[in-house]
Amino acid sequence: MSAPDPQGVRLTLLGSGTSTGVPVPTCSCAVCRSSDPRDQRLRPSAWVRWPGASVIIDTSPDLRQQVLRHEIPRIDAVLYTHAHADHVLGLDDLRLFNWRQRGAVPAYGSAPTLAALRRTFWYAFDPEPVESTRPLIDCRVIDGRFELLGRAVLPVPVLHGSLPILGYRIGRLAYLTDVSRIPDESYERLQDLDLLVINALRERPHPMHLTLEQALGEAARIGARRTILTHVAHDLSHREVAARLPPRVELGYDGLEAEVNEP
């Protein structure tokens, strides 16, 4: 096995579950009762780092637990895909990094996503002084390719039902979550990937997410050298699904790491 590229990009799945996480409260299905740790899925977010950068994609409601589990030392920036609760409600925990890093954390996203963050976390953006602590967020609207800590980041527009959201490409890595459809023009941004991370909710159709079969179809069309499926519901058993996936595709789990070497 070759040594990791010191200039490469490393991704860790902090949470591979859907909005409820797995186990699902009140559920006693086989997956929710499973003893396989890969069936225990926190809500969705990812940690991406390269030399000089530690970046989070989305702030899951489970962010505190994820930071502790993986001993994340700092968060230099957050890339937001969209403003649904399972992707943003951990934002308040960024204040812990404000203290350590002595400054605001830059948060990148579309204009509608950042506007929703301002509404949801109104207290963080209130100009009036307060006695309690609050997160310090520097909102930065994405309108195309941008530079982040020495790397080019390319937003990838996708659809979550009828809602336009963003995926992200960093080098030869692309992270797409909550996708129901990829517009034709976005496939151009997904060529020549070493790693694709994409959602695969369950077997049954869903109006806002790819099914397992649909995700496999997208993986085949995009043709990444490695594909990891994430945002997985309690309908899918890791052991059962992993055994029948095609080559170069695997079912993600919390803590899964992947290295993308740069040319």
Protein backbone atom coordinates (compact mmCIF):
# COMPACT_ATOMS: atom_id res chain seq x y z
CA MET A 1 0.00 0.00 0.00
CA SER A 2 1.35 3.40 -0.94
CA ALA A 3 1.90 6.04 1.73
CA PRO A 4 -0.68 8.84 2.01
CA ASP A 5 0.08 11.86 -0.15
CA PRO A 6 1.13 14.68 2.23
CA GLN A 7 -0.50 17.12 -0.17
CA GLY A 8 -3.67 15.07 -0.58
CA VAL A 9 -7.19 15.62 0.70
CA ARG A 10 -8.57 13.38 3.45
CA LEU A 11 -12.27 12.94 4.15
CA THR A 12 -13.90 11.46 7.25
CA LEU A 13 -17.60 10.69 7.37
CA LEU A 14 -18.67 12.16 10.70
CA GLY A 15 -22.26 11.06 10.22
CA SER A 16 -23.58 8.67 7.57
CA GLY A 17 -27.22 8.69 8.63
CA THR A 18 -30.32 10.53 7.57
CA SER A 19 -32.31 13.16 9.50
CA THR A 20 -33.40 10.76 12.27
CA GLY A 21 -30.06 9.05 12.69
CA VAL A 22 -29.90 5.31 13.33
CA PRO A 23 -31.14 3.84 15.62
CA VAL A 24 -34.37 5.74 15.14
CA PRO A 25 -36.11 6.63 18.42
CA THR A 26 -39.21 4.44 19.02
CA CYS A 27 -38.15 1.95 16.30
CA SER A 28 -37.39 -1.72 16.99
CA CYS A 29 -36.53 -2.87 13.46
CA ALA A 30 -33.58 -5.21 12.85
CA VAL A 31 -31.23 -2.41 11.82
CA CYS A 32 -32.11 -0.21 14.80
CA ARG A 33 -31.44 -3.21 17.08
CA SER A 34 -28.29 -4.23 15.21
CA SER A 35 -25.05 -4.80 17.13
CA ASP A 36 -23.00 -3.89 14.04
CA PRO A 37 -21.44 -0.48 14.80
CA ARG A 38 -21.68 0.39 11.10
CA ASP A 39 -25.48 0.45 11.51
CA GLN A 40 -25.22 3.20 14.12
CA ARG A 41 -25.40 6.36 12.07
CA LEU A 42 -25.22 9.93 13.32
CA ARG A 43 -26.77 12.77 11.36
CA PRO A 44 -24.92 13.85 8.18
CA SER A 45 -21.71 15.85 8.09
CA ALA A 46 -18.14 15.32 6.94
CA TRP A 47 -14.65 16.49 7.84
CA VAL A 48 -12.28 17.37 5.02
CA ARG A 49 -8.69 18.39 5.56
CA TRP A 50 -5.53 19.09 3.66
CA PRO A 51 -2.27 20.74 4.75
CA GLY A 52 -3.21 23.89 6.63
CA ALA A 53 -6.97 23.31 6.48
CA SER A 54 -9.65 21.63 8.60
CA VAL A 55 -13.07 22.06 6.99
CA ILE A 56 -16.50 20.76 7.96
CA ILE A 57 -19.28 20.09 5.45
CA ASP A 58 -22.53 20.91 7.30
CA THR A 59 -22.97 21.23 11.06
CA SER A 60 -25.02 18.19 12.03
CA PRO A 61 -27.11 18.27 15.23
CA ASP A 62 -24.61 15.62 16.38
CA LEU A 63 -21.59 17.87 15.76
CA ARG A 64 -20.49 18.00 19.39
CA GLN A 65 -20.39 14.21 19.60
CA GLN A 66 -18.62 13.98 16.25
CA VAL A 67 -15.96 16.51 17.23
CA LEU A 68 -15.26 14.64 20.46
CA ARG A 69 -15.19 11.24 18.77
CA HIS A 70 -12.69 12.32 16.13
CA GLU A 71 -10.74 14.82 18.25
CA ILE A 72 -11.19 17.59 15.69
CA PRO A 73 -8.74 20.28 16.86
CA ARG A 74 -10.04 23.23 14.86
CA ILE A 75 -12.60 24.22 12.24
CA ASP A 76 -11.23 26.68 9.71
CA ALA A 77 -14.43 26.88 7.64
CA VAL A 78 -17.83 25.29 7.10
CA LEU A 79 -19.29 24.44 3.70
CA TYR A 80 -23.09 24.32 3.86
CA THR A 81 -25.06 22.23 1.39
CA HIS A 82 -28.46 23.59 2.49
CA ALA A 83 -30.29 24.72 5.61
CA HIS A 84 -32.41 21.72 6.62
CA ALA A 85 -32.30 20.95 10.34
CA ASP A 86 -30.19 17.78 10.08
CA HIS A 87 -27.47 19.76 8.31
CA VAL A 88 -27.31 22.96 10.36
CA LEU A 89 -28.52 22.57 13.94
CA GLY A 90 -25.03 21.96 15.30
CA LEU A 91 -23.99 25.49 14.35
CA ASP A 92 -24.13 26.66 17.96
CA ASP A 93 -21.24 24.31 18.81
CA LEU A 94 -18.96 26.40 16.59
CA ARG A 95 -18.68 28.89 19.47
CA LEU A 96 -16.30 26.44 21.16
CA PHE A 97 -13.96 26.87 18.20
CA ASN A 98 -14.45 30.64 18.29
CA TRP A 99 -12.93 30.61 21.78
CA ARG A 100 -9.99 28.43 20.82
CA GLN A 101 -9.32 30.13 17.50
CA ARG A 102 -10.04 33.67 18.74
CA GLY A 103 -12.25 34.60 15.83
CA ALA A 104 -15.28 33.91 13.66
CA VAL A 105 -15.60 30.74 11.58
CA PRO A 106 -16.22 31.43 7.87
CA ALA A 107 -19.41 29.76 6.64
CA TYR A 108 -19.88 29.28 2.89
CA GLY A 109 -23.19 28.56 1.18
CA SER A 110 -25.76 29.81 -1.26
CA ALA A 111 -27.54 33.10 -0.52
CA PRO A 112 -30.81 31.32 0.45
CA THR A 113 -28.95 28.91 2.74
CA LEU A 114 -27.10 31.67 4.56
CA ALA A 115 -30.29 33.73 4.85
CA ALA A 116 -31.97 30.73 6.48
CA LEU A 117 -29.07 30.40 8.92
CA ARG A 118 -29.51 34.03 9.90
CA ARG A 119 -33.20 33.41 10.61
CA THR A 120 -32.70 30.16 12.50
CA PHE A 121 -29.73 31.37 14.54
CA TRP A 122 -30.86 35.00 14.81
CA TYR A 123 -29.12 35.45 18.17
CA ALA A 124 -25.73 34.75 16.59
CA PHE A 125 -26.17 37.70 14.23
CA ASP A 126 -27.90 40.13 16.61
CA PRO A 127 -25.74 43.30 16.76
CA GLU A 128 -26.85 44.07 20.31
CA PRO A 129 -24.35 43.03 23.02
CA VAL A 130 -25.34 40.12 25.25
CA GLU A 131 -23.94 38.60 28.44
CA SER A 132 -24.00 35.01 27.20
CA THR A 133 -21.70 33.49 24.61
CA ARG A 134 -22.86 32.95 21.05
CA PRO A 135 -21.28 31.58 17.89
CA LEU A 136 -19.37 33.97 15.66
CA ILE A 137 -20.04 33.19 12.00
CA ASP A 138 -18.68 35.01 8.96
CA CYS A 139 -21.21 34.27 6.19
CA ARG A 140 -19.76 34.15 2.67
CA VAL A 141 -22.09 33.71 -0.28
CA ILE A 142 -20.93 31.32 -3.00
CA ASP A 143 -21.55 32.35 -6.58
CA GLY A 144 -19.06 30.05 -8.31
CA ARG A 145 -15.62 28.50 -7.91
CA PHE A 146 -13.63 29.97 -5.01
CA GLU A 147 -10.34 29.56 -3.19
CA LEU A 148 -10.33 28.16 0.33
CA LEU A 149 -7.10 27.86 2.31
CA GLY A 150 -5.01 27.10 -0.74
CA ARG A 151 -7.48 24.85 -2.55
CA ALA A 152 -10.04 25.51 -5.25
CA VAL A 153 -13.59 24.60 -4.23
CA LEU A 154 -16.19 24.08 -6.93
CA PRO A 155 -19.87 24.15 -5.92
CA VAL A 156 -21.98 21.50 -7.66
CA PRO A 157 -25.67 22.50 -8.02
CA VAL A 158 -28.07 19.59 -7.42
CA LEU A 159 -31.73 19.20 -6.53
CA HIS A 160 -33.22 17.99 -3.25
CA GLY A 161 -36.79 17.46 -4.42
CA SER A 162 -37.62 20.87 -5.85
CA LEU A 163 -35.05 22.64 -3.63
CA PRO A 164 -31.78 23.72 -5.26
CA ILE A 165 -28.86 22.82 -2.99
CA LEU A 166 -25.09 22.48 -3.33
CA GLY A 167 -22.59 19.69 -3.39
CA TYR A 168 -18.86 20.41 -3.37
CA ARG A 169 -15.84 19.34 -5.36
CA ILE A 170 -12.35 19.76 -3.90
CA GLY A 171 -9.67 18.45 -6.22
CA ARG A 172 -10.70 14.93 -7.24
CA LEU A 173 -13.15 14.53 -4.36
CA ALA A 174 -16.86 15.36 -4.62
CA TYR A 175 -19.41 15.29 -1.79
CA LEU A 176 -23.09 15.22 -2.72
CA THR A 177 -25.78 14.70 -0.11
CA ASP A 178 -29.59 14.91 -0.11
CA VAL A 179 -29.64 14.62 -3.90
CA SER A 180 -32.77 13.58 -5.77
CA ARG A 181 -31.55 14.69 -9.21
CA ILE A 182 -28.33 15.95 -10.74
CA PRO A 183 -28.88 18.55 -13.48
CA ASP A 184 -27.19 17.77 -16.78
CA GLU A 185 -24.85 20.75 -16.52
CA SER A 186 -23.51 19.58 -13.14
CA TYR A 187 -22.12 16.33 -14.56
CA GLU A 188 -19.40 18.42 -16.19
CA ARG A 189 -18.19 19.30 -12.70
CA LEU A 190 -18.02 15.63 -11.69
CA GLN A 191 -15.64 14.31 -14.30
CA ASP A 192 -12.34 12.55 -13.45
CA LEU A 193 -13.08 11.95 -9.76
CA ASP A 194 -11.05 9.72 -7.50
CA LEU A 195 -13.76 9.80 -4.83
CA LEU A 196 -17.51 10.44 -5.01
CA VAL A 197 -19.60 10.56 -1.83
CA ILE A 198 -23.34 10.46 -2.64
CA ASN A 199 -26.56 9.77 -0.76
CA ALA A 200 -28.48 6.48 -0.95
CA LEU A 201 -31.42 6.70 1.42
CA ARG A 202 -33.20 3.34 1.06
CA GLU A 203 -34.72 0.91 -1.45
CA ARG A 204 -38.20 2.47 -1.57
CA PRO A 205 -38.70 5.66 -3.62
CA HIS A 206 -38.51 9.02 -1.88
CA PRO A 207 -39.41 12.38 -3.45
CA MET A 208 -36.30 14.16 -2.12
CA HIS A 209 -33.55 11.54 -2.04
CA LEU A 210 -31.90 9.00 -4.31
CA THR A 211 -32.77 5.40 -3.64
CA LEU A 212 -30.00 2.82 -3.47
CA GLU A 213 -30.69 1.79 -7.08
CA GLN A 214 -30.71 5.41 -8.27
CA ALA A 215 -27.49 6.18 -6.41
CA LEU A 216 -25.80 3.21 -8.07
CA GLY A 217 -26.98 4.53 -11.41
CA GLU A 218 -25.48 7.93 -10.69
CA ALA A 219 -22.25 6.33 -9.52
CA ALA A 220 -22.01 4.37 -12.77
CA ARG A 221 -22.68 7.48 -14.87
CA ILE A 222 -20.15 9.64 -13.00
CA GLY A 223 -17.55 6.88 -13.00
CA ALA A 224 -15.45 7.85 -9.99
CA ARG A 225 -12.64 5.49 -9.10
CA ARG A 226 -14.27 5.01 -5.69
CA THR A 227 -17.82 5.78 -4.56
CA ILE A 228 -19.06 5.90 -0.97
CA LEU A 229 -22.79 5.90 -0.23
CA THR A 230 -24.02 8.02 2.66
CA HIS A 231 -27.16 9.61 4.19
CA VAL A 232 -28.50 6.11 4.82
CA ALA A 233 -31.77 5.34 6.62
CA HIS A 234 -32.56 2.45 8.95
CA ASP A 235 -34.08 0.53 6.02
CA LEU A 236 -30.61 -0.61 4.92
CA SER A 237 -28.47 -3.11 6.80
CA HIS A 238 -24.79 -2.42 6.29
CA ARG A 239 -23.79 -6.07 6.15
CA GLU A 240 -26.56 -7.05 3.71
CA VAL A 241 -26.16 -4.10 1.35
CA ALA A 242 -22.36 -4.09 1.34
CA ALA A 243 -22.35 -7.73 0.20
CA ARG A 244 -24.18 -6.93 -3.03
CA LEU A 245 -22.66 -3.64 -4.14
CA PRO A 246 -20.76 -3.50 -7.45
CA PRO A 247 -16.98 -3.01 -7.62
CA ARG A 248 -15.64 0.40 -6.59
CA VAL A 249 -18.82 1.20 -4.60
CA GLU A 250 -19.13 0.82 -0.84
CA LEU A 251 -21.62 1.68 1.85
CA GLY A 252 -20.36 4.41 4.13
CA TYR A 253 -20.35 4.33 7.92
CA ASP A 254 -19.51 6.76 10.67
CA GLY A 255 -15.75 7.24 10.91
CA LEU A 256 -14.94 5.95 7.42
CA GLU A 257 -11.85 7.70 6.07
CA ALA A 258 -10.74 8.15 2.49
CA GLU A 259 -7.60 9.71 1.05
CA VAL A 260 -7.53 11.45 -2.32
CA ASN A 261 -4.05 11.94 -3.67
CA GLU A 262 -3.37 14.96 -5.78
CA PRO A 263 -1.50 14.74 -9.10
